[in-house]
Amino acid sequence: MKEIAISEFKAKCLGILEEVRKTRKPIRVTRFGKPVAEVVPPSPEKRDGRRLGCMIGSAQILGDVVGSISDKSEWEATRK
């Protein structure tokens, strides 16, 4: 594991955090040669994994889905 002095960490904090995010390798922060903290990458986000049924309740059926619309006025009436 890479070690870095606390003073250097303070000066380059944002860059070090970005490095940890990109490389996914932790960095140990030391003070007077002794470990103070470890910067570790975040654990991967847990996905729900649910695809089937994820849009339930987001659509609405208006009118007859099986039959055909024979008259244009019926179509206009169901659209409003």
PDB file of N, CA and C in Angstrom:
ATOM      1  N   MET A   1       0.848  -1.174   0.000  1.00  0.00           N
ATOM      2  CA  MET A   1       0.000   0.000   0.000  1.00  0.00           C
ATOM      3  C   MET A   1       0.893   1.236   0.000  1.00  0.00           C
ATOM      4  N   LYS A   2       0.524   2.196  -0.807  1.00  0.00           N
ATOM      5  CA  LYS A   2       1.280   3.434  -0.901  1.00  0.00           C
ATOM      6  C   LYS A   2       1.056   4.271   0.364  1.00  0.00           C
ATOM      7  N   GLU A   3       2.135   4.871   0.874  1.00  0.00           N
ATOM      8  CA  GLU A   3       2.036   5.739   2.048  1.00  0.00           C
ATOM      9  C   GLU A   3       2.371   7.166   1.666  1.00  0.00           C
ATOM     10  N   ILE A   4       1.718   8.097   2.329  1.00  0.00           N
ATOM     11  CA  ILE A   4       1.923   9.514   2.044  1.00  0.00           C
ATOM     12  C   ILE A   4       1.882  10.273   3.368  1.00  0.00           C
ATOM     13  N   ALA A   5       2.755  11.263   3.497  1.00  0.00           N
ATOM     14  CA  ALA A   5       2.791  12.083   4.715  1.00  0.00           C
ATOM     15  C   ALA A   5       1.546  12.960   4.780  1.00  0.00           C
ATOM     16  N   ILE A   6       1.111  13.235   5.992  1.00  0.00           N
ATOM     17  CA  ILE A   6      -0.110  14.009   6.194  1.00  0.00           C
ATOM     18  C   ILE A   6      -0.004  15.408   5.589  1.00  0.00           C
ATOM     19  N   SER A   7       1.182  16.005   5.625  1.00  0.00           N
ATOM     20  CA  SER A   7       1.362  17.342   5.044  1.00  0.00           C
ATOM     21  C   SER A   7       1.183  17.310   3.530  1.00  0.00           C
ATOM     22  N   GLU A   8       1.689  16.258   2.881  1.00  0.00           N
ATOM     23  CA  GLU A   8       1.512  16.125   1.431  1.00  0.00           C
ATOM     24  C   GLU A   8       0.047  15.833   1.101  1.00  0.00           C
ATOM     25  N   PHE A   9      -0.587  15.018   1.946  1.00  0.00           N
ATOM     26  CA  PHE A   9      -2.006  14.723   1.736  1.00  0.00           C
ATOM     27  C   PHE A   9      -2.837  16.001   1.808  1.00  0.00           C
ATOM     28  N   LYS A  10      -2.516  16.839   2.779  1.00  0.00           N
ATOM     29  CA  LYS A  10      -3.245  18.096   2.942  1.00  0.00           C
ATOM     30  C   LYS A  10      -3.084  18.984   1.712  1.00  0.00           C
ATOM     31  N   ALA A  11      -1.880  19.017   1.160  1.00  0.00           N
ATOM     32  CA  ALA A  11      -1.615  19.873   0.006  1.00  0.00           C
ATOM     33  C   ALA A  11      -2.239  19.336  -1.284  1.00  0.00           C
ATOM     34  N   LYS A  12      -2.346  18.017  -1.401  1.00  0.00           N
ATOM     35  CA  LYS A  12      -2.796  17.409  -2.659  1.00  0.00           C
ATOM     36  C   LYS A  12      -4.046  16.549  -2.476  1.00  0.00           C
ATOM     37  N   CYS A  13      -4.862  16.881  -1.525  1.00  0.00           N
ATOM     38  CA  CYS A  13      -6.003  16.054  -1.139  1.00  0.00           C
ATOM     39  C   CYS A  13      -6.900  15.656  -2.321  1.00  0.00           C
ATOM     40  N   LEU A  14      -7.368  16.624  -3.084  1.00  0.00           N
ATOM     41  CA  LEU A  14      -8.309  16.319  -4.171  1.00  0.00           C
ATOM     42  C   LEU A  14      -7.689  15.409  -5.222  1.00  0.00           C
ATOM     43  N   GLY A  15      -6.423  15.658  -5.559  1.00  0.00           N
ATOM     44  CA  GLY A  15      -5.739  14.811  -6.533  1.00  0.00           C
ATOM     45  C   GLY A  15      -5.556  13.388  -6.026  1.00  0.00           C
ATOM     46  N   ILE A  16      -5.242  13.250  -4.746  1.00  0.00           N
ATOM     47  CA  ILE A  16      -5.056  11.925  -4.152  1.00  0.00           C
ATOM     48  C   ILE A  16      -6.382  11.162  -4.128  1.00  0.00           C
ATOM     49  N   LEU A  17      -7.448  11.844  -3.769  1.00  0.00           N
ATOM     50  CA  LEU A  17      -8.767  11.201  -3.762  1.00  0.00           C
ATOM     51  C   LEU A  17      -9.150  10.727  -5.165  1.00  0.00           C
ATOM     52  N   GLU A  18      -8.855  11.521  -6.166  1.00  0.00           N
ATOM     53  CA  GLU A  18      -9.145  11.142  -7.553  1.00  0.00           C
ATOM     54  C   GLU A  18      -8.298   9.935  -7.965  1.00  0.00           C
ATOM     55  N   GLU A  19      -7.041   9.905  -7.532  1.00  0.00           N
ATOM     56  CA  GLU A  19      -6.160   8.776  -7.831  1.00  0.00           C
ATOM     57  C   GLU A  19      -6.713   7.481  -7.219  1.00  0.00           C
ATOM     58  N   VAL A  20      -7.174   7.564  -5.993  1.00  0.00           N
ATOM     59  CA  VAL A  20      -7.749   6.392  -5.323  1.00  0.00           C
ATOM     60  C   VAL A  20      -9.000   5.934  -6.064  1.00  0.00           C
ATOM     61  N   ARG A  21      -9.812   6.873  -6.501  1.00  0.00           N
ATOM     62  CA  ARG A  21     -11.037   6.517  -7.233  1.00  0.00           C
ATOM     63  C   ARG A  21     -10.713   5.824  -8.549  1.00  0.00           C
ATOM     64  N   LYS A  22      -9.716   6.339  -9.272  1.00  0.00           N
ATOM     65  CA  LYS A  22      -9.372   5.774 -10.577  1.00  0.00           C
ATOM     66  C   LYS A  22      -8.658   4.432 -10.465  1.00  0.00           C
ATOM     67  N   THR A  23      -7.657   4.341  -9.584  1.00  0.00           N
ATOM     68  CA  THR A  23      -6.854   3.122  -9.490  1.00  0.00           C
ATOM     69  C   THR A  23      -7.488   2.069  -8.603  1.00  0.00           C
ATOM     70  N   ARG A  24      -8.431   2.474  -7.740  1.00  0.00           N
ATOM     71  CA  ARG A  24      -9.091   1.581  -6.782  1.00  0.00           C
ATOM     72  C   ARG A  24      -8.088   0.954  -5.815  1.00  0.00           C
ATOM     73  N   LYS A  25      -6.963   1.644  -5.567  1.00  0.00           N
ATOM     74  CA  LYS A  25      -5.946   1.181  -4.622  1.00  0.00           C
ATOM     75  C   LYS A  25      -5.912   2.134  -3.437  1.00  0.00           C
ATOM     76  N   PRO A  26      -5.931   1.601  -2.218  1.00  0.00           N
ATOM     77  CA  PRO A  26      -5.929   2.459  -1.027  1.00  0.00           C
ATOM     78  C   PRO A  26      -4.579   3.132  -0.797  1.00  0.00           C
ATOM     79  N   ILE A  27      -4.614   4.248  -0.084  1.00  0.00           N
ATOM     80  CA  ILE A  27      -3.407   4.989   0.280  1.00  0.00           C
ATOM     81  C   ILE A  27      -3.445   5.214   1.790  1.00  0.00           C
ATOM     82  N   ARG A  28      -2.306   4.988   2.452  1.00  0.00           N
ATOM     83  CA  ARG A  28      -2.202   5.191   3.901  1.00  0.00           C
ATOM     84  C   ARG A  28      -1.602   6.565   4.164  1.00  0.00           C
ATOM     85  N   VAL A  29      -2.230   7.332   5.027  1.00  0.00           N
ATOM     86  CA  VAL A  29      -1.746   8.657   5.417  1.00  0.00           C
ATOM     87  C   VAL A  29      -0.998   8.502   6.744  1.00  0.00           C
ATOM     88  N   THR A  30       0.228   9.047   6.794  1.00  0.00           N
ATOM     89  CA  THR A  30       1.044   8.896   8.004  1.00  0.00           C
ATOM     90  C   THR A  30       1.402  10.244   8.606  1.00  0.00           C
ATOM     91  N   ARG A  31       1.672  10.219   9.904  1.00  0.00           N
ATOM     92  CA  ARG A  31       2.142  11.406  10.618  1.00  0.00           C
ATOM     93  C   ARG A  31       3.327  10.961  11.465  1.00  0.00           C
ATOM     94  N   PHE A  32       4.472  11.557  11.219  1.00  0.00           N
ATOM     95  CA  PHE A  32       5.722  11.157  11.873  1.00  0.00           C
ATOM     96  C   PHE A  32       6.000   9.668  11.653  1.00  0.00           C
ATOM     97  N   GLY A  33       5.621   9.164  10.460  1.00  0.00           N
ATOM     98  CA  GLY A  33       5.889   7.774  10.104  1.00  0.00           C
ATOM     99  C   GLY A  33       4.887   6.770  10.632  1.00  0.00           C
ATOM    100  N   LYS A  34       3.920   7.218  11.413  1.00  0.00           N
ATOM    101  CA  LYS A  34       2.915   6.303  11.971  1.00  0.00           C
ATOM    102  C   LYS A  34       1.576   6.497  11.235  1.00  0.00           C
ATOM    103  N   PRO A  35       0.887   5.409  10.941  1.00  0.00           N
ATOM    104  CA  PRO A  35      -0.390   5.508  10.216  1.00  0.00           C
ATOM    105  C   PRO A  35      -1.439   6.303  10.994  1.00  0.00           C
ATOM    106  N   VAL A  36      -2.090   7.189  10.286  1.00  0.00           N
ATOM    107  CA  VAL A  36      -3.160   7.998  10.869  1.00  0.00           C
ATOM    108  C   VAL A  36      -4.501   7.602  10.255  1.00  0.00           C
ATOM    109  N   ALA A  37      -4.488   7.380   8.946  1.00  0.00           N
ATOM    110  CA  ALA A  37      -5.733   7.056   8.244  1.00  0.00           C
ATOM    111  C   ALA A  37      -5.408   6.301   6.968  1.00  0.00           C
ATOM    112  N   GLU A  38      -6.429   5.655   6.434  1.00  0.00           N
ATOM    113  CA  GLU A  38      -6.319   5.004   5.141  1.00  0.00           C
ATOM    114  C   GLU A  38      -7.444   5.524   4.256  1.00  0.00           C
ATOM    115  N   VAL A  39      -7.076   5.906   3.055  1.00  0.00           N
ATOM    116  CA  VAL A  39      -8.067   6.361   2.080  1.00  0.00           C
ATOM    117  C   VAL A  39      -8.327   5.175   1.170  1.00  0.00           C
ATOM    118  N   VAL A  40      -9.556   4.677   1.201  1.00  0.00           N
ATOM    119  CA  VAL A  40      -9.914   3.504   0.406  1.00  0.00           C
ATOM    120  C   VAL A  40     -11.000   3.882  -0.599  1.00  0.00           C
ATOM    121  N   PRO A  41     -11.033   3.201  -1.734  1.00  0.00           N
ATOM    122  CA  PRO A  41     -12.084   3.502  -2.713  1.00  0.00           C
ATOM    123  C   PRO A  41     -13.445   3.066  -2.180  1.00  0.00           C
ATOM    124  N   PRO A  42     -14.501   3.707  -2.626  1.00  0.00           N
ATOM    125  CA  PRO A  42     -15.840   3.327  -2.160  1.00  0.00           C
ATOM    126  C   PRO A  42     -16.217   1.950  -2.690  1.00  0.00           C
ATOM    127  N   SER A  43     -17.030   1.244  -1.933  1.00  0.00           N
ATOM    128  CA  SER A  43     -17.507  -0.049  -2.411  1.00  0.00           C
ATOM    129  C   SER A  43     -18.489   0.193  -3.557  1.00  0.00           C
ATOM    130  N   PRO A  44     -18.561  -0.748  -4.493  1.00  0.00           N
ATOM    131  CA  PRO A  44     -19.453  -0.561  -5.647  1.00  0.00           C
ATOM    132  C   PRO A  44     -20.900  -0.395  -5.202  1.00  0.00           C
ATOM    133  N   GLU A  45     -21.611   0.433  -5.931  1.00  0.00           N
ATOM    134  CA  GLU A  45     -23.020   0.659  -5.611  1.00  0.00           C
ATOM    135  C   GLU A  45     -23.807  -0.616  -5.852  1.00  0.00           C
ATOM    136  N   LYS A  46     -24.685  -0.927  -4.921  1.00  0.00           N
ATOM    137  CA  LYS A  46     -25.535  -2.094  -5.095  1.00  0.00           C
ATOM    138  C   LYS A  46     -26.710  -1.710  -5.963  1.00  0.00           C
ATOM    139  N   ARG A  47     -26.906  -2.468  -7.010  1.00  0.00           N
ATOM    140  CA  ARG A  47     -28.048  -2.234  -7.875  1.00  0.00           C
ATOM    141  C   ARG A  47     -29.197  -3.105  -7.408  1.00  0.00           C
ATOM    142  N   ASP A  48     -30.376  -2.619  -7.641  1.00  0.00           N
ATOM    143  CA  ASP A  48     -31.558  -3.375  -7.282  1.00  0.00           C
ATOM    144  C   ASP A  48     -31.618  -4.665  -8.098  1.00  0.00           C
ATOM    145  N   GLY A  49     -31.164  -4.592  -9.356  1.00  0.00           N
ATOM    146  CA  GLY A  49     -31.159  -5.761 -10.211  1.00  0.00           C
ATOM    147  C   GLY A  49     -32.505  -6.085 -10.813  1.00  0.00           C
ATOM    148  N   ARG A  50     -33.501  -5.343 -10.443  1.00  0.00           N
ATOM    149  CA  ARG A  50     -34.845  -5.620 -10.926  1.00  0.00           C
ATOM    150  C   ARG A  50     -35.080  -4.870 -12.231  1.00  0.00           C
ATOM    151  N   ARG A  51     -35.268  -5.598 -13.295  1.00  0.00           N
ATOM    152  CA  ARG A  51     -35.583  -4.986 -14.586  1.00  0.00           C
ATOM    153  C   ARG A  51     -37.045  -5.225 -14.953  1.00  0.00           C
ATOM    154  N   LEU A  52     -37.483  -6.466 -14.747  1.00  0.00           N
ATOM    155  CA  LEU A  52     -38.845  -6.816 -15.089  1.00  0.00           C
ATOM    156  C   LEU A  52     -39.806  -6.140 -14.118  1.00  0.00           C
ATOM    157  N   GLY A  53     -40.687  -5.341 -14.635  1.00  0.00           N
ATOM    158  CA  GLY A  53     -41.670  -4.683 -13.792  1.00  0.00           C
ATOM    159  C   GLY A  53     -41.201  -3.372 -13.201  1.00  0.00           C
ATOM    160  N   CYS A  54     -40.066  -2.855 -13.649  1.00  0.00           N
ATOM    161  CA  CYS A  54     -39.537  -1.631 -13.057  1.00  0.00           C
ATOM    162  C   CYS A  54     -40.368  -0.393 -13.419  1.00  0.00           C
ATOM    163  N   MET A  55     -41.189  -0.495 -14.458  1.00  0.00           N
ATOM    164  CA  MET A  55     -42.003   0.656 -14.849  1.00  0.00           C
ATOM    165  C   MET A  55     -43.478   0.457 -14.500  1.00  0.00           C
ATOM    166  N   ILE A  56     -43.742  -0.448 -13.584  1.00  0.00           N
ATOM    167  CA  ILE A  56     -45.118  -0.727 -13.205  1.00  0.00           C
ATOM    168  C   ILE A  56     -45.787   0.541 -12.657  1.00  0.00           C
ATOM    169  N   GLY A  57     -46.980   0.794 -13.147  1.00  0.00           N
ATOM    170  CA  GLY A  57     -47.729   1.948 -12.685  1.00  0.00           C
ATOM    171  C   GLY A  57     -47.385   3.248 -13.396  1.00  0.00           C
ATOM    172  N   SER A  58     -46.475   3.210 -14.376  1.00  0.00           N
ATOM    173  CA  SER A  58     -46.081   4.447 -15.042  1.00  0.00           C
ATOM    174  C   SER A  58     -46.840   4.684 -16.345  1.00  0.00           C
ATOM    175  N   ALA A  59     -47.680   3.742 -16.764  1.00  0.00           N
ATOM    176  CA  ALA A  59     -48.454   3.904 -17.992  1.00  0.00           C
ATOM    177  C   ALA A  59     -49.935   3.747 -17.678  1.00  0.00           C
ATOM    178  N   GLN A  60     -50.739   4.237 -18.585  1.00  0.00           N
ATOM    179  CA  GLN A  60     -52.178   4.155 -18.386  1.00  0.00           C
ATOM    180  C   GLN A  60     -52.827   3.752 -19.703  1.00  0.00           C
ATOM    181  N   ILE A  61     -53.712   2.767 -19.662  1.00  0.00           N
ATOM    182  CA  ILE A  61     -54.407   2.308 -20.865  1.00  0.00           C
ATOM    183  C   ILE A  61     -55.744   3.030 -20.941  1.00  0.00           C
ATOM    184  N   LEU A  62     -55.953   3.669 -22.075  1.00  0.00           N
ATOM    185  CA  LEU A  62     -57.212   4.380 -22.300  1.00  0.00           C
ATOM    186  C   LEU A  62     -57.946   3.711 -23.454  1.00  0.00           C
ATOM    187  N   GLY A  63     -59.150   3.266 -23.226  1.00  0.00           N
ATOM    188  CA  GLY A  63     -59.939   2.661 -24.284  1.00  0.00           C
ATOM    189  C   GLY A  63     -59.676   1.176 -24.441  1.00  0.00           C
ATOM    190  N   ASP A  64     -60.114   0.639 -25.574  1.00  0.00           N
ATOM    191  CA  ASP A  64     -60.005  -0.783 -25.864  1.00  0.00           C
ATOM    192  C   ASP A  64     -58.664  -1.071 -26.535  1.00  0.00           C
ATOM    193  N   VAL A  65     -57.898  -1.968 -25.977  1.00  0.00           N
ATOM    194  CA  VAL A  65     -56.586  -2.277 -26.550  1.00  0.00           C
ATOM    195  C   VAL A  65     -56.690  -3.364 -27.608  1.00  0.00           C
ATOM    196  N   VAL A  66     -57.727  -4.178 -27.550  1.00  0.00           N
ATOM    197  CA  VAL A  66     -57.841  -5.299 -28.461  1.00  0.00           C
ATOM    198  C   VAL A  66     -58.532  -4.888 -29.756  1.00  0.00           C
ATOM    199  N   GLY A  67     -59.641  -4.201 -29.652  1.00  0.00           N
ATOM    200  CA  GLY A  67     -60.415  -3.843 -30.827  1.00  0.00           C
ATOM    201  C   GLY A  67     -59.784  -2.705 -31.618  1.00  0.00           C
ATOM    202  N   SER A  68     -60.184  -2.588 -32.885  1.00  0.00           N
ATOM    203  CA  SER A  68     -59.663  -1.492 -33.711  1.00  0.00           C
ATOM    204  C   SER A  68     -60.613  -0.304 -33.631  1.00  0.00           C
ATOM    205  N   ILE A  69     -60.090   0.844 -33.906  1.00  0.00           N
ATOM    206  CA  ILE A  69     -60.902   2.049 -33.903  1.00  0.00           C
ATOM    207  C   ILE A  69     -61.423   2.249 -35.315  1.00  0.00           C
ATOM    208  N   SER A  70     -62.723   2.153 -35.443  1.00  0.00           N
ATOM    209  CA  SER A  70     -63.316   2.251 -36.770  1.00  0.00           C
ATOM    210  C   SER A  70     -63.640   3.696 -37.134  1.00  0.00           C
ATOM    211  N   ASP A  71     -63.812   4.523 -36.152  1.00  0.00           N
ATOM    212  CA  ASP A  71     -64.209   5.896 -36.421  1.00  0.00           C
ATOM    213  C   ASP A  71     -63.169   6.845 -35.840  1.00  0.00           C
ATOM    214  N   LYS A  72     -62.782   7.836 -36.608  1.00  0.00           N
ATOM    215  CA  LYS A  72     -61.772   8.789 -36.158  1.00  0.00           C
ATOM    216  C   LYS A  72     -62.264   9.581 -34.948  1.00  0.00           C
ATOM    217  N   SER A  73     -63.543   9.828 -34.819  1.00  0.00           N
ATOM    218  CA  SER A  73     -64.076  10.581 -33.686  1.00  0.00           C
ATOM    219  C   SER A  73     -63.897   9.811 -32.380  1.00  0.00           C
ATOM    220  N   GLU A  74     -63.954   8.458 -32.448  1.00  0.00           N
ATOM    221  CA  GLU A  74     -63.693   7.652 -31.258  1.00  0.00           C
ATOM    222  C   GLU A  74     -62.255   7.847 -30.803  1.00  0.00           C
ATOM    223  N   TRP A  75     -61.356   7.866 -31.766  1.00  0.00           N
ATOM    224  CA  TRP A  75     -59.923   8.060 -31.467  1.00  0.00           C
ATOM    225  C   TRP A  75     -59.703   9.417 -30.782  1.00  0.00           C
ATOM    226  N   GLU A  76     -60.307  10.430 -31.322  1.00  0.00           N
ATOM    227  CA  GLU A  76     -60.165  11.768 -30.757  1.00  0.00           C
ATOM    228  C   GLU A  76     -60.754  11.832 -29.338  1.00  0.00           C
ATOM    229  N   ALA A  77     -61.846  11.124 -29.098  1.00  0.00           N
ATOM    230  CA  ALA A  77     -62.504  11.137 -27.797  1.00  0.00           C
ATOM    231  C   ALA A  77     -61.644  10.438 -26.741  1.00  0.00           C
ATOM    232  N   THR A  78     -60.956   9.383 -27.133  1.00  0.00           N
ATOM    233  CA  THR A  78     -60.123   8.668 -26.153  1.00  0.00           C
ATOM    234  C   THR A  78     -58.825   9.377 -25.869  1.00  0.00           C
ATOM    235  N   ARG A  79     -58.352  10.224 -26.773  1.00  0.00           N
ATOM    236  CA  ARG A  79     -57.083  10.924 -26.580  1.00  0.00           C
ATOM    237  C   ARG A  79     -57.208  12.082 -25.613  1.00  0.00           C
ATOM    238  N   LYS A  80     -58.391  12.608 -25.408  1.00  0.00           N
ATOM    239  CA  LYS A  80     -58.570  13.802 -24.560  1.00  0.00           C
ATOM    240  C   LYS A  80     -58.687  13.470 -23.125  1.00  0.00           C
TER     241      LYS A  80
END
